[in-house]
Amino acid sequence: MKDYIKALKFAMEKHQHQTRTNGDHYILHPIRVAETLRAASLSVNDPCVVAALLHDLIEDCGVTYGTIRYEFGKEVADIVAGMTDDNRLARKERKADMLARMSRAGPKVQILKLADRLDNITDETPWDEERHRRYLDESMKLLKATSPPILESESYHLLNALRMVHMWLQTEVEKQIEEVRQDD
């Protein structure tokens, strides 16, 4: 619990002046992502849950990999770095790069990315129809790139959690795609 609280305080400080498009305080997003991972049976002190609280800091707050590594350790920093998009790339290239990285990423990075996506499509952010469709399409591609693997080197518990979040995201994406089709 100590690492979780430390990460929560750190993220709250770094995100303190940010809000989501829907007006929510930004910190609510990483908290919901961490809670999704906990609902998938990961421990509060699992490095993946701690990384969930920190996952947007490099990309959105200018926090360095080195700072996260110093404060939270190499494993947490590596998970956060695995989630971070290269903002120097054009949007289309950045999304292609993300999909390629996720197909090669370990289960902890994959499960965090899926939980992040799940929160992004369920937080009632007011997106225009084109952006919503694009995000759902990208999410379907992400689901295909992260089909839960059978890895002997990873614990059954982690793989089971990955399968759960994968299923939750797939169900939500399919539901929203159906709603978009009905609106046409």
C-alpha atoms as a PDB file:
ATOM      1  CA  MET A   1       0.000   0.000   0.000  1.00  0.00           C
ATOM      2  CA  LYS A   2       2.964   2.328   0.646  1.00  0.00           C
ATOM      3  CA  ASP A   3       4.006   2.447  -3.048  1.00  0.00           C
ATOM      4  CA  TYR A   4       0.408   3.000  -4.140  1.00  0.00           C
ATOM      5  CA  ILE A   5      -0.060   5.958  -1.769  1.00  0.00           C
ATOM      6  CA  LYS A   6       3.320   7.427  -2.752  1.00  0.00           C
ATOM      7  CA  ALA A   7       2.433   7.124  -6.469  1.00  0.00           C
ATOM      8  CA  LEU A   8      -1.024   8.597  -5.876  1.00  0.00           C
ATOM      9  CA  LYS A   9       0.418  11.641  -4.096  1.00  0.00           C
ATOM     10  CA  PHE A  10       3.099  12.060  -6.774  1.00  0.00           C
ATOM     11  CA  ALA A  11       0.544  11.859  -9.612  1.00  0.00           C
ATOM     12  CA  MET A  12      -1.871  14.200  -7.825  1.00  0.00           C
ATOM     13  CA  GLU A  13       0.860  16.818  -7.541  1.00  0.00           C
ATOM     14  CA  LYS A  14       1.902  16.518 -11.205  1.00  0.00           C
ATOM     15  CA  HIS A  15      -1.683  16.492 -12.566  1.00  0.00           C
ATOM     16  CA  GLN A  16      -3.012  19.132 -10.139  1.00  0.00           C
ATOM     17  CA  HIS A  17      -3.730  21.797 -12.767  1.00  0.00           C
ATOM     18  CA  GLN A  18      -5.032  19.454 -15.462  1.00  0.00           C
ATOM     19  CA  THR A  19      -8.609  18.572 -16.335  1.00  0.00           C
ATOM     20  CA  ARG A  20     -10.086  16.041 -18.734  1.00  0.00           C
ATOM     21  CA  THR A  21     -12.125  17.137 -21.746  1.00  0.00           C
ATOM     22  CA  ASN A  22     -15.285  16.312 -19.779  1.00  0.00           C
ATOM     23  CA  GLY A  23     -14.227  18.711 -16.987  1.00  0.00           C
ATOM     24  CA  ASP A  24     -13.139  16.063 -14.445  1.00  0.00           C
ATOM     25  CA  HIS A  25      -9.932  16.546 -12.501  1.00  0.00           C
ATOM     26  CA  TYR A  26      -7.306  14.656 -14.517  1.00  0.00           C
ATOM     27  CA  ILE A  27      -6.144  12.552 -11.556  1.00  0.00           C
ATOM     28  CA  LEU A  28      -9.479  10.709 -11.613  1.00  0.00           C
ATOM     29  CA  HIS A  29      -8.424   9.004 -14.867  1.00  0.00           C
ATOM     30  CA  PRO A  30      -5.264   7.302 -13.524  1.00  0.00           C
ATOM     31  CA  ILE A  31      -7.139   6.385 -10.327  1.00  0.00           C
ATOM     32  CA  ARG A  32      -9.910   4.692 -12.367  1.00  0.00           C
ATOM     33  CA  VAL A  33      -7.300   2.866 -14.467  1.00  0.00           C
ATOM     34  CA  ALA A  34      -5.597   1.605 -11.289  1.00  0.00           C
ATOM     35  CA  GLU A  35      -8.950   0.541  -9.864  1.00  0.00           C
ATOM     36  CA  THR A  36      -9.730  -1.378 -13.067  1.00  0.00           C
ATOM     37  CA  LEU A  37      -6.512  -3.331 -12.582  1.00  0.00           C
ATOM     38  CA  ARG A  38      -7.400  -3.970  -8.942  1.00  0.00           C
ATOM     39  CA  ALA A  39     -10.841  -5.186 -10.049  1.00  0.00           C
ATOM     40  CA  ALA A  40      -9.005  -7.612 -12.327  1.00  0.00           C
ATOM     41  CA  SER A  41      -7.447  -9.061  -9.157  1.00  0.00           C
ATOM     42  CA  LEU A  42      -4.067  -7.339  -9.183  1.00  0.00           C
ATOM     43  CA  SER A  43      -2.699  -6.365  -5.773  1.00  0.00           C
ATOM     44  CA  VAL A  44      -2.606  -2.703  -4.794  1.00  0.00           C
ATOM     45  CA  ASN A  45       1.194  -2.924  -4.636  1.00  0.00           C
ATOM     46  CA  ASP A  46       1.598  -4.679  -7.983  1.00  0.00           C
ATOM     47  CA  PRO A  47       4.017  -2.581 -10.071  1.00  0.00           C
ATOM     48  CA  CYS A  48       1.387  -2.467 -12.819  1.00  0.00           C
ATOM     49  CA  VAL A  49      -1.188  -0.862 -10.489  1.00  0.00           C
ATOM     50  CA  VAL A  50       1.394   1.654  -9.243  1.00  0.00           C
ATOM     51  CA  ALA A  51       2.343   2.401 -12.885  1.00  0.00           C
ATOM     52  CA  ALA A  52      -1.338   2.998 -13.677  1.00  0.00           C
ATOM     53  CA  LEU A  53      -1.285   6.023 -11.390  1.00  0.00           C
ATOM     54  CA  LEU A  54       1.801   7.355 -13.172  1.00  0.00           C
ATOM     55  CA  HIS A  55       1.072   6.285 -16.756  1.00  0.00           C
ATOM     56  CA  ASP A  56       0.537   9.748 -18.293  1.00  0.00           C
ATOM     57  CA  LEU A  57       3.277  11.636 -16.461  1.00  0.00           C
ATOM     58  CA  ILE A  58       6.052  11.321 -19.069  1.00  0.00           C
ATOM     59  CA  GLU A  59       3.739  12.152 -21.956  1.00  0.00           C
ATOM     60  CA  ASP A  60       1.616  14.882 -20.372  1.00  0.00           C
ATOM     61  CA  CYS A  61       3.585  16.366 -17.470  1.00  0.00           C
ATOM     62  CA  GLY A  62       7.216  16.317 -18.561  1.00  0.00           C
ATOM     63  CA  VAL A  63       8.268  13.911 -15.800  1.00  0.00           C
ATOM     64  CA  THR A  64      11.295  11.918 -16.932  1.00  0.00           C
ATOM     65  CA  TYR A  65      11.806   8.182 -17.016  1.00  0.00           C
ATOM     66  CA  GLY A  66      14.755   8.745 -14.673  1.00  0.00           C
ATOM     67  CA  THR A  67      12.591  10.484 -12.091  1.00  0.00           C
ATOM     68  CA  ILE A  68      10.017   7.688 -12.125  1.00  0.00           C
ATOM     69  CA  ARG A  69      12.783   5.099 -11.900  1.00  0.00           C
ATOM     70  CA  TYR A  70      14.399   6.895  -8.967  1.00  0.00           C
ATOM     71  CA  GLU A  71      11.104   7.317  -7.094  1.00  0.00           C
ATOM     72  CA  PHE A  72       9.375   4.014  -7.935  1.00  0.00           C
ATOM     73  CA  GLY A  73      11.949   1.593  -9.330  1.00  0.00           C
ATOM     74  CA  LYS A  74      12.940   0.206 -12.722  1.00  0.00           C
ATOM     75  CA  GLU A  75       9.954  -2.102 -13.194  1.00  0.00           C
ATOM     76  CA  VAL A  76       7.378   0.658 -12.660  1.00  0.00           C
ATOM     77  CA  ALA A  77       9.394   3.076 -14.836  1.00  0.00           C
ATOM     78  CA  ASP A  78       9.641   0.490 -17.628  1.00  0.00           C
ATOM     79  CA  ILE A  79       5.872  -0.097 -17.571  1.00  0.00           C
ATOM     80  CA  VAL A  80       5.204   3.670 -17.713  1.00  0.00           C
ATOM     81  CA  ALA A  81       7.747   4.082 -20.538  1.00  0.00           C
ATOM     82  CA  GLY A  82       6.081   1.219 -22.423  1.00  0.00           C
ATOM     83  CA  MET A  83       2.810   3.165 -22.276  1.00  0.00           C
ATOM     84  CA  THR A  84       4.285   6.468 -23.432  1.00  0.00           C
ATOM     85  CA  ASP A  85       3.639   7.632 -26.987  1.00  0.00           C
ATOM     86  CA  ASP A  86       6.340   9.484 -28.890  1.00  0.00           C
ATOM     87  CA  ASN A  87       4.735  12.916 -29.284  1.00  0.00           C
ATOM     88  CA  ARG A  88       7.365  13.903 -31.852  1.00  0.00           C
ATOM     89  CA  LEU A  89       5.622  11.631 -34.374  1.00  0.00           C
ATOM     90  CA  ALA A  90       2.603  12.652 -36.416  1.00  0.00           C
ATOM     91  CA  ARG A  91      -0.681  11.276 -35.041  1.00  0.00           C
ATOM     92  CA  LYS A  92      -1.009   8.460 -37.600  1.00  0.00           C
ATOM     93  CA  GLU A  93       2.628   7.387 -37.134  1.00  0.00           C
ATOM     94  CA  ARG A  94       2.267   7.610 -33.347  1.00  0.00           C
ATOM     95  CA  LYS A  95      -0.748   5.275 -33.383  1.00  0.00           C
ATOM     96  CA  ALA A  96       0.994   2.795 -35.699  1.00  0.00           C
ATOM     97  CA  ASP A  97       4.036   2.878 -33.419  1.00  0.00           C
ATOM     98  CA  MET A  98       1.826   2.260 -30.365  1.00  0.00           C
ATOM     99  CA  LEU A  99       0.202  -0.786 -31.985  1.00  0.00           C
ATOM    100  CA  ALA A 100       3.582  -2.212 -32.986  1.00  0.00           C
ATOM    101  CA  ARG A 101       4.955  -1.672 -29.469  1.00  0.00           C
ATOM    102  CA  MET A 102       1.897  -3.207 -27.826  1.00  0.00           C
ATOM    103  CA  SER A 103       2.150  -6.346 -29.976  1.00  0.00           C
ATOM    104  CA  ARG A 104       5.684  -6.854 -28.586  1.00  0.00           C
ATOM    105  CA  ALA A 105       5.085  -5.537 -25.068  1.00  0.00           C
ATOM    106  CA  GLY A 106       4.948  -7.685 -21.993  1.00  0.00           C
ATOM    107  CA  PRO A 107       1.644  -8.447 -20.288  1.00  0.00           C
ATOM    108  CA  LYS A 108       2.021  -5.691 -17.664  1.00  0.00           C
ATOM    109  CA  VAL A 109       2.298  -2.973 -20.307  1.00  0.00           C
ATOM    110  CA  GLN A 110      -0.511  -4.565 -22.335  1.00  0.00           C
ATOM    111  CA  ILE A 111      -2.928  -4.829 -19.424  1.00  0.00           C
ATOM    112  CA  LEU A 112      -2.255  -1.232 -18.437  1.00  0.00           C
ATOM    113  CA  LYS A 113      -2.842  -0.032 -22.016  1.00  0.00           C
ATOM    114  CA  LEU A 114      -6.114  -1.967 -22.210  1.00  0.00           C
ATOM    115  CA  ALA A 115      -7.301  -0.575 -18.858  1.00  0.00           C
ATOM    116  CA  ASP A 116      -6.364   2.939 -20.021  1.00  0.00           C
ATOM    117  CA  ARG A 117      -8.373   2.474 -23.223  1.00  0.00           C
ATOM    118  CA  LEU A 118     -11.320   1.076 -21.290  1.00  0.00           C
ATOM    119  CA  ASP A 119     -11.435   4.146 -19.078  1.00  0.00           C
ATOM    120  CA  ASN A 120     -11.054   6.492 -22.040  1.00  0.00           C
ATOM    121  CA  ILE A 121     -14.088   5.043 -23.820  1.00  0.00           C
ATOM    122  CA  THR A 122     -16.289   4.869 -20.721  1.00  0.00           C
ATOM    123  CA  ASP A 123     -15.581   8.221 -19.026  1.00  0.00           C
ATOM    124  CA  GLU A 124     -18.237  10.134 -20.997  1.00  0.00           C
ATOM    125  CA  THR A 125     -15.778  12.479 -22.670  1.00  0.00           C
ATOM    126  CA  PRO A 126     -17.697  14.547 -25.234  1.00  0.00           C
ATOM    127  CA  TRP A 127     -16.000  13.455 -28.475  1.00  0.00           C
ATOM    128  CA  ASP A 128     -17.297  14.228 -31.927  1.00  0.00           C
ATOM    129  CA  GLU A 129     -18.545  11.251 -33.927  1.00  0.00           C
ATOM    130  CA  GLU A 130     -15.422  10.995 -36.113  1.00  0.00           C
ATOM    131  CA  ARG A 131     -13.042  10.925 -33.150  1.00  0.00           C
ATOM    132  CA  HIS A 132     -15.231   8.383 -31.354  1.00  0.00           C
ATOM    133  CA  ARG A 133     -15.267   6.059 -34.374  1.00  0.00           C
ATOM    134  CA  ARG A 134     -11.504   6.456 -34.842  1.00  0.00           C
ATOM    135  CA  TYR A 135     -10.856   5.656 -31.180  1.00  0.00           C
ATOM    136  CA  LEU A 136     -13.082   2.569 -31.352  1.00  0.00           C
ATOM    137  CA  ASP A 137     -11.295   1.434 -34.522  1.00  0.00           C
ATOM    138  CA  GLU A 138      -7.896   1.947 -32.863  1.00  0.00           C
ATOM    139  CA  SER A 139      -9.177   0.038 -29.835  1.00  0.00           C
ATOM    140  CA  MET A 140     -10.192  -2.928 -31.993  1.00  0.00           C
ATOM    141  CA  LYS A 141      -6.711  -2.945 -33.545  1.00  0.00           C
ATOM    142  CA  LEU A 142      -5.199  -2.780 -30.070  1.00  0.00           C
ATOM    143  CA  LEU A 143      -7.332  -5.713 -28.947  1.00  0.00           C
ATOM    144  CA  LYS A 144      -6.046  -7.765 -31.886  1.00  0.00           C
ATOM    145  CA  ALA A 145      -2.442  -6.748 -31.174  1.00  0.00           C
ATOM    146  CA  THR A 146      -2.733  -7.741 -27.517  1.00  0.00           C
ATOM    147  CA  SER A 147      -4.619 -11.006 -27.691  1.00  0.00           C
ATOM    148  CA  PRO A 148      -3.825 -12.600 -24.340  1.00  0.00           C
ATOM    149  CA  PRO A 149      -0.820 -14.864 -24.854  1.00  0.00           C
ATOM    150  CA  ILE A 150       0.029 -18.078 -23.117  1.00  0.00           C
ATOM    151  CA  LEU A 151       3.387 -17.269 -21.577  1.00  0.00           C
ATOM    152  CA  GLU A 152       5.068 -19.744 -19.300  1.00  0.00           C
ATOM    153  CA  SER A 153       7.313 -17.036 -17.842  1.00  0.00           C
ATOM    154  CA  GLU A 154       4.423 -14.971 -16.469  1.00  0.00           C
ATOM    155  CA  SER A 155       2.196 -15.854 -13.559  1.00  0.00           C
ATOM    156  CA  TYR A 156      -1.219 -17.333 -14.143  1.00  0.00           C
ATOM    157  CA  HIS A 157      -2.641 -14.546 -11.970  1.00  0.00           C
ATOM    158  CA  LEU A 158      -1.305 -11.769 -14.227  1.00  0.00           C
ATOM    159  CA  LEU A 159      -2.432 -13.518 -17.401  1.00  0.00           C
ATOM    160  CA  ASN A 160      -5.885 -14.052 -15.946  1.00  0.00           C
ATOM    161  CA  ALA A 161      -6.099 -10.334 -15.120  1.00  0.00           C
ATOM    162  CA  LEU A 162      -4.955  -9.495 -18.672  1.00  0.00           C
ATOM    163  CA  ARG A 163      -7.673 -11.726 -20.106  1.00  0.00           C
ATOM    164  CA  MET A 164     -10.308 -10.067 -17.902  1.00  0.00           C
ATOM    165  CA  VAL A 165      -9.403  -6.504 -18.917  1.00  0.00           C
ATOM    166  CA  HIS A 166      -9.088  -7.604 -22.564  1.00  0.00           C
ATOM    167  CA  MET A 167     -12.620  -9.046 -22.388  1.00  0.00           C
ATOM    168  CA  TRP A 168     -14.021  -5.935 -20.648  1.00  0.00           C
ATOM    169  CA  LEU A 169     -12.538  -3.618 -23.279  1.00  0.00           C
ATOM    170  CA  GLN A 170     -13.665  -5.822 -26.169  1.00  0.00           C
ATOM    171  CA  THR A 171     -17.222  -5.947 -24.787  1.00  0.00           C
ATOM    172  CA  GLU A 172     -17.337  -2.159 -24.364  1.00  0.00           C
ATOM    173  CA  VAL A 173     -15.876  -1.461 -27.823  1.00  0.00           C
ATOM    174  CA  GLU A 174     -18.328  -3.853 -29.490  1.00  0.00           C
ATOM    175  CA  LYS A 175     -21.228  -2.277 -27.568  1.00  0.00           C
ATOM    176  CA  GLN A 176     -20.227   1.236 -28.620  1.00  0.00           C
ATOM    177  CA  ILE A 177     -19.659   0.202 -32.246  1.00  0.00           C
ATOM    178  CA  GLU A 178     -23.179  -1.238 -32.290  1.00  0.00           C
ATOM    179  CA  GLU A 179     -24.553   2.014 -30.834  1.00  0.00           C
ATOM    180  CA  VAL A 180     -22.747   4.033 -33.527  1.00  0.00           C
ATOM    181  CA  ARG A 181     -24.179   1.765 -36.235  1.00  0.00           C
ATOM    182  CA  GLN A 182     -27.693   2.178 -34.852  1.00  0.00           C
ATOM    183  CA  ASP A 183     -27.281   5.957 -34.965  1.00  0.00           C
ATOM    184  CA  ASP A 184     -26.463   5.846 -38.711  1.00  0.00           C
END
